[in-house]
Amino acid sequence: MRVAAPVTDAGGHVLLPEGASISDAILGSLARHEVTEVCVEFEVAEDPAQRAAREAAATASVAALFRHAGEGVATRALHDAVLAFRLTAP
């Protein structure tokens, strides 16, 4: 388990930086510092078939948006940026 955001004490001092690993000893130390909440990274394993379907839907949606936009360099750059955004958005 890793910290998703810096953990600070009541005075604002960073106790754990973002990305630090959390062990039982660290949890005990945080409790002694009266830290009550820690934001942790959570990884979700996505089914490859669901991922492919989501990517295909995003590609089709962006293609529909740009169907009459032409083939200029700027249009292609915008298309690629929108598609990249849609593919990374949950």
N, C-alpha and C. Protein backbone atom coordinates (compact mmCIF):
# COMPACT_ATOMS: atom_id res chain seq x y z
N MET A 1 0.85 -1.16 0.00
CA MET A 1 0.00 0.00 0.00
C MET A 1 0.91 1.24 0.00
N ARG A 2 0.50 2.25 -0.79
CA ARG A 2 1.29 3.48 -0.89
C ARG A 2 0.42 4.69 -0.63
N VAL A 3 1.06 5.74 -0.13
CA VAL A 3 0.37 7.00 0.18
C VAL A 3 0.10 7.74 -1.13
N ALA A 4 -1.15 8.18 -1.33
CA ALA A 4 -1.53 8.89 -2.55
C ALA A 4 -1.34 10.40 -2.43
N ALA A 5 -1.25 10.90 -1.21
CA ALA A 5 -1.05 12.33 -0.97
C ALA A 5 -0.17 12.46 0.28
N PRO A 6 0.60 13.53 0.39
CA PRO A 6 1.45 13.69 1.58
C PRO A 6 0.64 13.63 2.87
N VAL A 7 1.22 12.98 3.88
CA VAL A 7 0.58 12.89 5.20
C VAL A 7 1.26 13.92 6.09
N THR A 8 0.45 14.79 6.69
CA THR A 8 0.99 15.84 7.55
C THR A 8 0.43 15.73 8.96
N ASP A 9 1.17 16.29 9.91
CA ASP A 9 0.66 16.35 11.28
C ASP A 9 -0.15 17.63 11.47
N ALA A 10 -0.61 17.87 12.68
CA ALA A 10 -1.47 19.03 12.95
C ALA A 10 -0.73 20.35 12.66
N GLY A 11 0.59 20.34 12.77
CA GLY A 11 1.37 21.54 12.51
C GLY A 11 1.72 21.74 11.05
N GLY A 12 1.30 20.80 10.18
CA GLY A 12 1.57 20.91 8.76
C GLY A 12 2.89 20.31 8.32
N HIS A 13 3.59 19.67 9.22
CA HIS A 13 4.86 19.02 8.87
C HIS A 13 4.59 17.72 8.13
N VAL A 14 5.31 17.49 7.05
CA VAL A 14 5.11 16.28 6.26
C VAL A 14 5.71 15.09 7.00
N LEU A 15 4.86 14.13 7.32
CA LEU A 15 5.31 12.91 7.98
C LEU A 15 5.66 11.83 6.96
N LEU A 16 4.88 11.78 5.88
CA LEU A 16 5.13 10.82 4.79
C LEU A 16 4.89 11.54 3.47
N PRO A 17 5.83 11.43 2.55
CA PRO A 17 5.63 12.06 1.24
C PRO A 17 4.71 11.20 0.37
N GLU A 18 4.18 11.81 -0.65
CA GLU A 18 3.36 11.08 -1.62
C GLU A 18 4.17 9.93 -2.20
N GLY A 19 3.57 8.75 -2.28
CA GLY A 19 4.24 7.58 -2.87
C GLY A 19 4.96 6.70 -1.86
N ALA A 20 5.04 7.13 -0.60
CA ALA A 20 5.73 6.33 0.42
C ALA A 20 4.96 5.05 0.71
N SER A 21 5.69 3.98 0.97
CA SER A 21 5.06 2.71 1.33
C SER A 21 4.60 2.76 2.78
N ILE A 22 3.50 2.08 3.04
CA ILE A 22 2.93 2.06 4.40
C ILE A 22 3.11 0.66 4.98
N SER A 23 3.72 0.59 6.15
CA SER A 23 3.89 -0.68 6.87
C SER A 23 3.13 -0.58 8.19
N ASP A 24 3.08 -1.68 8.92
CA ASP A 24 2.43 -1.67 10.22
C ASP A 24 3.14 -0.72 11.18
N ALA A 25 4.47 -0.68 11.09
CA ALA A 25 5.24 0.22 11.96
C ALA A 25 4.90 1.68 11.64
N ILE A 26 4.77 2.00 10.38
CA ILE A 26 4.44 3.37 9.99
C ILE A 26 3.03 3.72 10.45
N LEU A 27 2.10 2.78 10.33
CA LEU A 27 0.74 3.04 10.82
C LEU A 27 0.75 3.34 12.31
N GLY A 28 1.56 2.61 13.07
CA GLY A 28 1.67 2.86 14.51
C GLY A 28 2.24 4.23 14.79
N SER A 29 3.24 4.62 14.02
CA SER A 29 3.85 5.94 14.18
C SER A 29 2.85 7.04 13.85
N LEU A 30 2.07 6.85 12.80
CA LEU A 30 1.06 7.84 12.44
C LEU A 30 0.00 7.97 13.53
N ALA A 31 -0.35 6.85 14.14
CA ALA A 31 -1.33 6.88 15.24
C ALA A 31 -0.76 7.66 16.42
N ARG A 32 0.52 7.49 16.70
CA ARG A 32 1.14 8.25 17.80
C ARG A 32 1.16 9.74 17.50
N HIS A 33 1.21 10.10 16.22
CA HIS A 33 1.16 11.51 15.83
C HIS A 33 -0.29 12.00 15.68
N GLU A 34 -1.22 11.15 16.07
CA GLU A 34 -2.66 11.46 16.03
C GLU A 34 -3.17 11.74 14.62
N VAL A 35 -2.58 11.06 13.63
CA VAL A 35 -3.07 11.14 12.26
C VAL A 35 -4.24 10.18 12.16
N THR A 36 -5.39 10.68 11.74
CA THR A 36 -6.60 9.85 11.71
C THR A 36 -6.99 9.42 10.30
N GLU A 37 -6.42 10.09 9.28
CA GLU A 37 -6.78 9.76 7.90
C GLU A 37 -5.53 9.74 7.03
N VAL A 38 -5.50 8.77 6.12
CA VAL A 38 -4.41 8.67 5.15
C VAL A 38 -5.05 8.33 3.80
N CYS A 39 -4.68 9.06 2.78
CA CYS A 39 -5.17 8.80 1.43
C CYS A 39 -4.21 7.79 0.78
N VAL A 40 -4.73 6.64 0.37
CA VAL A 40 -3.88 5.61 -0.21
C VAL A 40 -4.22 5.38 -1.68
N GLU A 41 -3.23 4.91 -2.44
CA GLU A 41 -3.46 4.57 -3.85
C GLU A 41 -4.26 3.29 -3.91
N PHE A 42 -5.14 3.24 -4.88
CA PHE A 42 -5.98 2.06 -5.06
C PHE A 42 -5.96 1.72 -6.54
N GLU A 43 -5.48 0.55 -6.85
CA GLU A 43 -5.40 0.12 -8.24
C GLU A 43 -6.51 -0.87 -8.53
N VAL A 44 -7.22 -0.60 -9.59
CA VAL A 44 -8.31 -1.48 -10.00
C VAL A 44 -7.88 -2.22 -11.25
N ALA A 45 -7.95 -3.53 -11.19
CA ALA A 45 -7.60 -4.34 -12.36
C ALA A 45 -8.81 -4.36 -13.30
N GLU A 46 -8.61 -3.82 -14.49
CA GLU A 46 -9.69 -3.74 -15.46
C GLU A 46 -9.65 -4.95 -16.38
N ASP A 47 -10.80 -5.52 -16.64
CA ASP A 47 -10.91 -6.65 -17.55
C ASP A 47 -10.48 -6.20 -18.94
N PRO A 48 -9.59 -6.96 -19.61
CA PRO A 48 -9.13 -6.56 -20.94
C PRO A 48 -10.26 -6.36 -21.95
N ALA A 49 -11.30 -7.16 -21.88
CA ALA A 49 -12.42 -7.02 -22.81
C ALA A 49 -13.18 -5.72 -22.54
N GLN A 50 -13.35 -5.37 -21.27
CA GLN A 50 -14.02 -4.12 -20.92
C GLN A 50 -13.18 -2.92 -21.36
N ARG A 51 -11.87 -3.04 -21.18
CA ARG A 51 -10.97 -1.95 -21.59
C ARG A 51 -11.05 -1.74 -23.10
N ALA A 52 -11.01 -2.83 -23.86
CA ALA A 52 -11.08 -2.74 -25.32
C ALA A 52 -12.41 -2.12 -25.75
N ALA A 53 -13.50 -2.50 -25.10
CA ALA A 53 -14.81 -1.95 -25.43
C ALA A 53 -14.86 -0.46 -25.10
N ARG A 54 -14.29 -0.06 -23.97
CA ARG A 54 -14.27 1.36 -23.59
C ARG A 54 -13.43 2.17 -24.57
N GLU A 55 -12.27 1.62 -24.99
CA GLU A 55 -11.42 2.31 -25.95
C GLU A 55 -12.10 2.43 -27.31
N ALA A 56 -12.79 1.37 -27.74
CA ALA A 56 -13.50 1.41 -29.02
C ALA A 56 -14.62 2.44 -28.98
N ALA A 57 -15.34 2.50 -27.86
CA ALA A 57 -16.42 3.48 -27.73
C ALA A 57 -15.87 4.90 -27.74
N ALA A 58 -14.77 5.12 -27.07
CA ALA A 58 -14.16 6.46 -27.04
C ALA A 58 -13.67 6.85 -28.43
N THR A 59 -13.05 5.93 -29.14
CA THR A 59 -12.55 6.19 -30.49
C THR A 59 -13.71 6.52 -31.43
N ALA A 60 -14.79 5.77 -31.34
CA ALA A 60 -15.95 6.01 -32.19
C ALA A 60 -16.60 7.35 -31.86
N SER A 61 -16.68 7.68 -30.59
CA SER A 61 -17.29 8.94 -30.16
C SER A 61 -16.49 10.14 -30.67
N VAL A 62 -15.17 10.07 -30.56
CA VAL A 62 -14.33 11.17 -31.03
C VAL A 62 -14.38 11.25 -32.56
N ALA A 63 -14.41 10.12 -33.22
CA ALA A 63 -14.51 10.12 -34.68
C ALA A 63 -15.81 10.79 -35.12
N ALA A 64 -16.90 10.54 -34.39
CA ALA A 64 -18.18 11.17 -34.71
C ALA A 64 -18.11 12.68 -34.50
N LEU A 65 -17.44 13.11 -33.46
CA LEU A 65 -17.31 14.54 -33.20
C LEU A 65 -16.54 15.26 -34.30
N PHE A 66 -15.54 14.58 -34.86
CA PHE A 66 -14.66 15.20 -35.85
C PHE A 66 -14.99 14.80 -37.29
N ARG A 67 -16.15 14.21 -37.53
CA ARG A 67 -16.46 13.66 -38.85
C ARG A 67 -16.50 14.72 -39.96
N HIS A 68 -16.81 15.96 -39.63
CA HIS A 68 -16.87 17.02 -40.63
C HIS A 68 -15.79 18.08 -40.41
N ALA A 69 -14.77 17.77 -39.66
CA ALA A 69 -13.79 18.77 -39.25
C ALA A 69 -12.65 18.96 -40.25
N GLY A 70 -12.53 18.10 -41.22
CA GLY A 70 -11.45 18.23 -42.18
C GLY A 70 -10.22 17.45 -41.74
N GLU A 71 -9.16 17.58 -42.53
CA GLU A 71 -7.96 16.78 -42.29
C GLU A 71 -6.72 17.64 -42.03
N GLY A 72 -6.90 18.86 -41.58
CA GLY A 72 -5.77 19.74 -41.34
C GLY A 72 -4.90 19.27 -40.18
N VAL A 73 -3.71 19.80 -40.12
CA VAL A 73 -2.76 19.43 -39.07
C VAL A 73 -3.30 19.81 -37.70
N ALA A 74 -3.87 21.00 -37.57
CA ALA A 74 -4.42 21.44 -36.29
C ALA A 74 -5.62 20.59 -35.89
N THR A 75 -6.45 20.23 -36.85
CA THR A 75 -7.61 19.39 -36.57
C THR A 75 -7.17 18.02 -36.08
N ARG A 76 -6.16 17.45 -36.73
CA ARG A 76 -5.64 16.14 -36.33
C ARG A 76 -5.04 16.21 -34.93
N ALA A 77 -4.33 17.31 -34.62
CA ALA A 77 -3.74 17.47 -33.29
C ALA A 77 -4.82 17.56 -32.22
N LEU A 78 -5.88 18.32 -32.52
CA LEU A 78 -6.99 18.43 -31.57
C LEU A 78 -7.70 17.08 -31.40
N HIS A 79 -7.93 16.40 -32.51
CA HIS A 79 -8.54 15.06 -32.46
C HIS A 79 -7.73 14.14 -31.56
N ASP A 80 -6.42 14.11 -31.77
CA ASP A 80 -5.56 13.23 -30.99
C ASP A 80 -5.56 13.60 -29.51
N ALA A 81 -5.58 14.90 -29.21
CA ALA A 81 -5.61 15.34 -27.82
C ALA A 81 -6.92 14.95 -27.13
N VAL A 82 -8.03 15.13 -27.84
CA VAL A 82 -9.33 14.76 -27.27
C VAL A 82 -9.40 13.25 -27.07
N LEU A 83 -8.93 12.49 -28.04
CA LEU A 83 -8.95 11.03 -27.91
C LEU A 83 -8.07 10.59 -26.76
N ALA A 84 -6.89 11.14 -26.61
CA ALA A 84 -6.00 10.78 -25.51
C ALA A 84 -6.67 11.08 -24.17
N PHE A 85 -7.34 12.23 -24.09
CA PHE A 85 -8.05 12.58 -22.86
C PHE A 85 -9.16 11.57 -22.56
N ARG A 86 -9.93 11.27 -23.57
CA ARG A 86 -11.05 10.32 -23.37
C ARG A 86 -10.55 8.93 -22.98
N LEU A 87 -9.39 8.54 -23.49
CA LEU A 87 -8.85 7.22 -23.18
C LEU A 87 -8.28 7.15 -21.75
N THR A 88 -7.87 8.29 -21.21
CA THR A 88 -7.32 8.28 -19.85
C THR A 88 -8.38 8.59 -18.80
N ALA A 89 -9.48 9.20 -19.19
CA ALA A 89 -10.55 9.52 -18.24
C ALA A 89 -11.24 8.25 -17.81
N PRO A 90 -11.61 8.16 -16.53
CA PRO A 90 -12.30 6.94 -16.05
C PRO A 90 -13.69 6.79 -16.60
